[in-house]
């Protein structure tokens, strides 16, 4: 898997949000590749339509140690290649 600076940046931002939200449940939004542009703009992670499970895993890994929620947008997620 090649390094994707966009995904890294989104993961870093998501982690910062999780740390800033002490005492509150952290929710990370993952947008499908075919979600609306509005949803994609507000998402913490955006899938490409290929190996989306890897992006979802990045989102899970960005949650704080105390846990939180992963919210998947409307649309199609492609697992594997």
N, C-alpha and C. Protein backbone atom coordinates (compact mmCIF):
# COMPACT_ATOMS: atom_id res chain seq x y z
N UNK A 1 0.85 -1.17 0.00
CA UNK A 1 0.00 0.00 0.00
C UNK A 1 0.89 1.23 0.00
N UNK A 2 0.68 2.13 -0.92
CA UNK A 2 1.47 3.35 -1.03
C UNK A 2 1.02 4.37 0.01
N UNK A 3 1.97 5.21 0.42
CA UNK A 3 1.66 6.27 1.37
C UNK A 3 0.76 7.30 0.71
N UNK A 4 -0.31 7.62 1.36
CA UNK A 4 -1.26 8.62 0.85
C UNK A 4 -1.27 9.79 1.82
N UNK A 5 -0.63 10.91 1.44
CA UNK A 5 -0.55 12.06 2.37
C UNK A 5 -1.92 12.60 2.76
N UNK A 6 -2.91 12.48 1.88
CA UNK A 6 -4.26 12.95 2.21
C UNK A 6 -4.85 12.12 3.34
N UNK A 7 -4.71 10.79 3.23
CA UNK A 7 -5.23 9.92 4.29
C UNK A 7 -4.50 10.17 5.60
N UNK A 8 -3.17 10.36 5.52
CA UNK A 8 -2.39 10.63 6.74
C UNK A 8 -2.86 11.92 7.39
N UNK A 9 -3.05 12.95 6.59
CA UNK A 9 -3.50 14.24 7.11
C UNK A 9 -4.88 14.11 7.76
N UNK A 10 -5.78 13.39 7.11
CA UNK A 10 -7.12 13.19 7.67
C UNK A 10 -7.04 12.41 8.98
N UNK A 11 -6.17 11.39 9.02
CA UNK A 11 -6.02 10.60 10.25
C UNK A 11 -5.49 11.48 11.38
N UNK A 12 -4.52 12.32 11.06
CA UNK A 12 -3.94 13.23 12.06
C UNK A 12 -5.01 14.20 12.57
N UNK A 13 -5.81 14.75 11.67
CA UNK A 13 -6.87 15.68 12.06
C UNK A 13 -7.93 14.97 12.90
N UNK A 14 -8.27 13.75 12.50
CA UNK A 14 -9.27 12.98 13.26
C UNK A 14 -8.77 12.69 14.66
N UNK A 15 -7.50 12.35 14.77
CA UNK A 15 -6.92 12.07 16.07
C UNK A 15 -6.92 13.33 16.93
N UNK A 16 -6.61 14.46 16.34
CA UNK A 16 -6.64 15.73 17.09
C UNK A 16 -8.03 16.02 17.61
N UNK A 17 -9.05 15.75 16.78
CA UNK A 17 -10.43 15.96 17.23
C UNK A 17 -10.75 15.05 18.41
N UNK A 18 -10.29 13.82 18.33
CA UNK A 18 -10.56 12.85 19.40
C UNK A 18 -9.93 13.31 20.70
N UNK A 19 -8.72 13.82 20.64
CA UNK A 19 -8.01 14.26 21.84
C UNK A 19 -8.68 15.51 22.41
N UNK A 20 -9.15 16.41 21.54
CA UNK A 20 -9.77 17.65 21.98
C UNK A 20 -11.14 17.41 22.62
N UNK A 21 -11.77 16.29 22.32
CA UNK A 21 -13.13 16.03 22.77
C UNK A 21 -13.16 15.24 24.08
N UNK A 22 -12.29 15.58 25.01
CA UNK A 22 -12.23 14.86 26.29
C UNK A 22 -13.59 14.88 26.97
N UNK A 23 -13.97 13.72 27.46
CA UNK A 23 -15.24 13.62 28.16
C UNK A 23 -16.44 13.44 27.25
N UNK A 24 -16.25 13.51 25.98
CA UNK A 24 -17.34 13.35 25.02
C UNK A 24 -17.04 12.15 24.13
N UNK A 25 -18.09 11.53 23.62
CA UNK A 25 -17.90 10.43 22.70
C UNK A 25 -17.38 10.97 21.38
N UNK A 26 -16.30 10.39 20.92
CA UNK A 26 -15.72 10.79 19.65
C UNK A 26 -16.43 10.04 18.52
N UNK A 27 -16.83 10.77 17.50
CA UNK A 27 -17.44 10.16 16.33
C UNK A 27 -16.62 10.55 15.11
N UNK A 28 -16.20 9.55 14.35
CA UNK A 28 -15.43 9.75 13.13
C UNK A 28 -16.34 9.41 11.96
N UNK A 29 -16.45 10.32 11.01
CA UNK A 29 -17.28 10.10 9.83
C UNK A 29 -16.43 9.62 8.67
N UNK A 30 -16.82 8.48 8.09
CA UNK A 30 -16.15 7.93 6.91
C UNK A 30 -17.13 8.02 5.75
N UNK A 31 -16.74 8.72 4.68
CA UNK A 31 -17.61 8.91 3.52
C UNK A 31 -17.31 7.87 2.46
N UNK A 32 -18.36 7.36 1.85
CA UNK A 32 -18.22 6.45 0.71
C UNK A 32 -17.71 7.24 -0.49
N UNK A 33 -17.10 6.55 -1.44
CA UNK A 33 -16.59 7.22 -2.63
C UNK A 33 -17.70 7.90 -3.42
N UNK A 34 -18.92 7.39 -3.33
CA UNK A 34 -20.03 7.97 -4.08
C UNK A 34 -21.00 8.74 -3.19
N UNK A 35 -20.54 9.15 -2.03
CA UNK A 35 -21.36 10.01 -1.16
C UNK A 35 -21.45 11.40 -1.78
N UNK A 36 -22.37 12.18 -1.29
CA UNK A 36 -22.53 13.54 -1.80
C UNK A 36 -21.27 14.37 -1.48
N UNK A 37 -21.05 15.39 -2.28
CA UNK A 37 -19.88 16.26 -2.06
C UNK A 37 -19.95 16.92 -0.68
N UNK A 38 -21.14 17.26 -0.24
CA UNK A 38 -21.31 17.87 1.08
C UNK A 38 -20.84 16.91 2.17
N UNK A 39 -21.22 15.64 2.07
CA UNK A 39 -20.80 14.65 3.06
C UNK A 39 -19.28 14.48 3.01
N UNK A 40 -18.73 14.37 1.81
CA UNK A 40 -17.28 14.20 1.66
C UNK A 40 -16.52 15.38 2.29
N UNK A 41 -17.04 16.58 2.08
CA UNK A 41 -16.37 17.78 2.60
C UNK A 41 -16.33 17.75 4.13
N UNK A 42 -17.35 17.20 4.77
CA UNK A 42 -17.43 17.18 6.23
C UNK A 42 -16.87 15.91 6.85
N UNK A 43 -16.47 14.96 6.02
CA UNK A 43 -15.98 13.68 6.53
C UNK A 43 -14.56 13.78 7.06
N UNK A 44 -14.25 12.92 8.01
CA UNK A 44 -12.89 12.82 8.52
C UNK A 44 -12.03 11.97 7.59
N UNK A 45 -12.66 11.01 6.92
CA UNK A 45 -12.00 10.13 5.96
C UNK A 45 -12.92 9.97 4.76
N UNK A 46 -12.33 9.88 3.56
CA UNK A 46 -13.11 9.67 2.34
C UNK A 46 -12.54 8.45 1.62
N UNK A 47 -13.41 7.50 1.33
CA UNK A 47 -12.99 6.28 0.64
C UNK A 47 -12.88 6.54 -0.86
N UNK A 48 -12.09 5.68 -1.54
CA UNK A 48 -11.86 5.85 -2.97
C UNK A 48 -12.66 4.89 -3.84
N UNK A 49 -13.29 3.88 -3.23
CA UNK A 49 -14.01 2.89 -4.01
C UNK A 49 -13.17 1.66 -4.30
N UNK A 50 -12.00 1.59 -3.70
CA UNK A 50 -11.11 0.44 -3.82
C UNK A 50 -10.41 0.24 -2.49
N UNK A 51 -10.48 -0.95 -1.93
CA UNK A 51 -9.87 -1.23 -0.63
C UNK A 51 -10.36 -0.27 0.46
N UNK A 52 -11.64 0.03 0.44
CA UNK A 52 -12.19 0.96 1.42
C UNK A 52 -12.06 0.44 2.85
N UNK A 53 -11.91 -0.86 3.01
CA UNK A 53 -11.71 -1.44 4.34
C UNK A 53 -10.45 -0.88 4.99
N UNK A 54 -9.45 -0.54 4.19
CA UNK A 54 -8.21 0.03 4.75
C UNK A 54 -8.45 1.43 5.30
N UNK A 55 -9.29 2.20 4.62
CA UNK A 55 -9.62 3.55 5.11
C UNK A 55 -10.46 3.45 6.38
N UNK A 56 -11.39 2.51 6.41
CA UNK A 56 -12.21 2.31 7.61
C UNK A 56 -11.32 1.89 8.78
N UNK A 57 -10.34 1.04 8.50
CA UNK A 57 -9.41 0.62 9.55
C UNK A 57 -8.59 1.80 10.06
N UNK A 58 -8.17 2.70 9.17
CA UNK A 58 -7.45 3.92 9.60
C UNK A 58 -8.33 4.75 10.52
N UNK A 59 -9.60 4.85 10.18
CA UNK A 59 -10.54 5.62 11.01
C UNK A 59 -10.66 4.98 12.40
N UNK A 60 -10.79 3.67 12.44
CA UNK A 60 -10.88 2.96 13.72
C UNK A 60 -9.61 3.20 14.54
N UNK A 61 -8.47 3.10 13.89
CA UNK A 61 -7.19 3.29 14.58
C UNK A 61 -6.97 4.72 15.06
N UNK A 62 -7.70 5.68 14.49
CA UNK A 62 -7.55 7.07 14.91
C UNK A 62 -8.37 7.41 16.15
N UNK A 63 -9.24 6.49 16.57
CA UNK A 63 -10.03 6.73 17.78
C UNK A 63 -9.12 6.75 19.01
N UNK A 64 -9.50 7.50 20.03
CA UNK A 64 -8.70 7.52 21.25
C UNK A 64 -8.80 6.17 21.97
N UNK A 65 -7.92 5.95 22.91
CA UNK A 65 -7.89 4.70 23.66
C UNK A 65 -9.21 4.44 24.38
N UNK A 66 -9.95 5.49 24.67
CA UNK A 66 -11.23 5.34 25.36
C UNK A 66 -12.34 4.90 24.43
N UNK A 67 -12.07 4.82 23.13
CA UNK A 67 -13.05 4.36 22.16
C UNK A 67 -13.81 5.49 21.51
N UNK A 68 -14.89 5.15 20.88
CA UNK A 68 -15.71 6.13 20.18
C UNK A 68 -16.55 5.43 19.14
N UNK A 69 -17.01 6.20 18.17
CA UNK A 69 -17.89 5.67 17.12
C UNK A 69 -17.33 5.96 15.75
N UNK A 70 -17.55 5.01 14.84
CA UNK A 70 -17.26 5.21 13.43
C UNK A 70 -18.61 5.26 12.72
N UNK A 71 -18.88 6.36 12.05
CA UNK A 71 -20.13 6.51 11.31
C UNK A 71 -19.81 6.42 9.83
N UNK A 72 -20.48 5.50 9.13
CA UNK A 72 -20.32 5.37 7.69
C UNK A 72 -21.43 6.15 7.01
N UNK A 73 -21.08 6.91 5.99
CA UNK A 73 -22.06 7.70 5.25
C UNK A 73 -22.93 6.80 4.38
N UNK A 74 -23.88 7.41 3.72
CA UNK A 74 -24.64 6.70 2.70
C UNK A 74 -23.69 6.39 1.55
N UNK A 75 -24.01 5.39 0.78
CA UNK A 75 -23.18 5.07 -0.38
C UNK A 75 -22.63 3.66 -0.32
N UNK A 76 -21.76 3.38 -1.25
CA UNK A 76 -21.20 2.04 -1.42
C UNK A 76 -19.74 2.01 -0.96
N UNK A 77 -19.41 1.00 -0.19
CA UNK A 77 -18.04 0.78 0.28
C UNK A 77 -17.55 -0.52 -0.35
N UNK A 78 -16.39 -0.47 -0.97
CA UNK A 78 -15.81 -1.64 -1.64
C UNK A 78 -14.72 -2.20 -0.74
N UNK A 79 -14.92 -3.44 -0.30
CA UNK A 79 -13.94 -4.09 0.57
C UNK A 79 -13.03 -4.96 -0.28
N UNK A 80 -11.73 -4.81 -0.09
CA UNK A 80 -10.78 -5.50 -0.96
C UNK A 80 -10.58 -4.71 -2.23
N UNK A 81 -9.90 -5.30 -3.18
CA UNK A 81 -9.59 -4.55 -4.43
C UNK A 81 -10.69 -4.63 -5.45
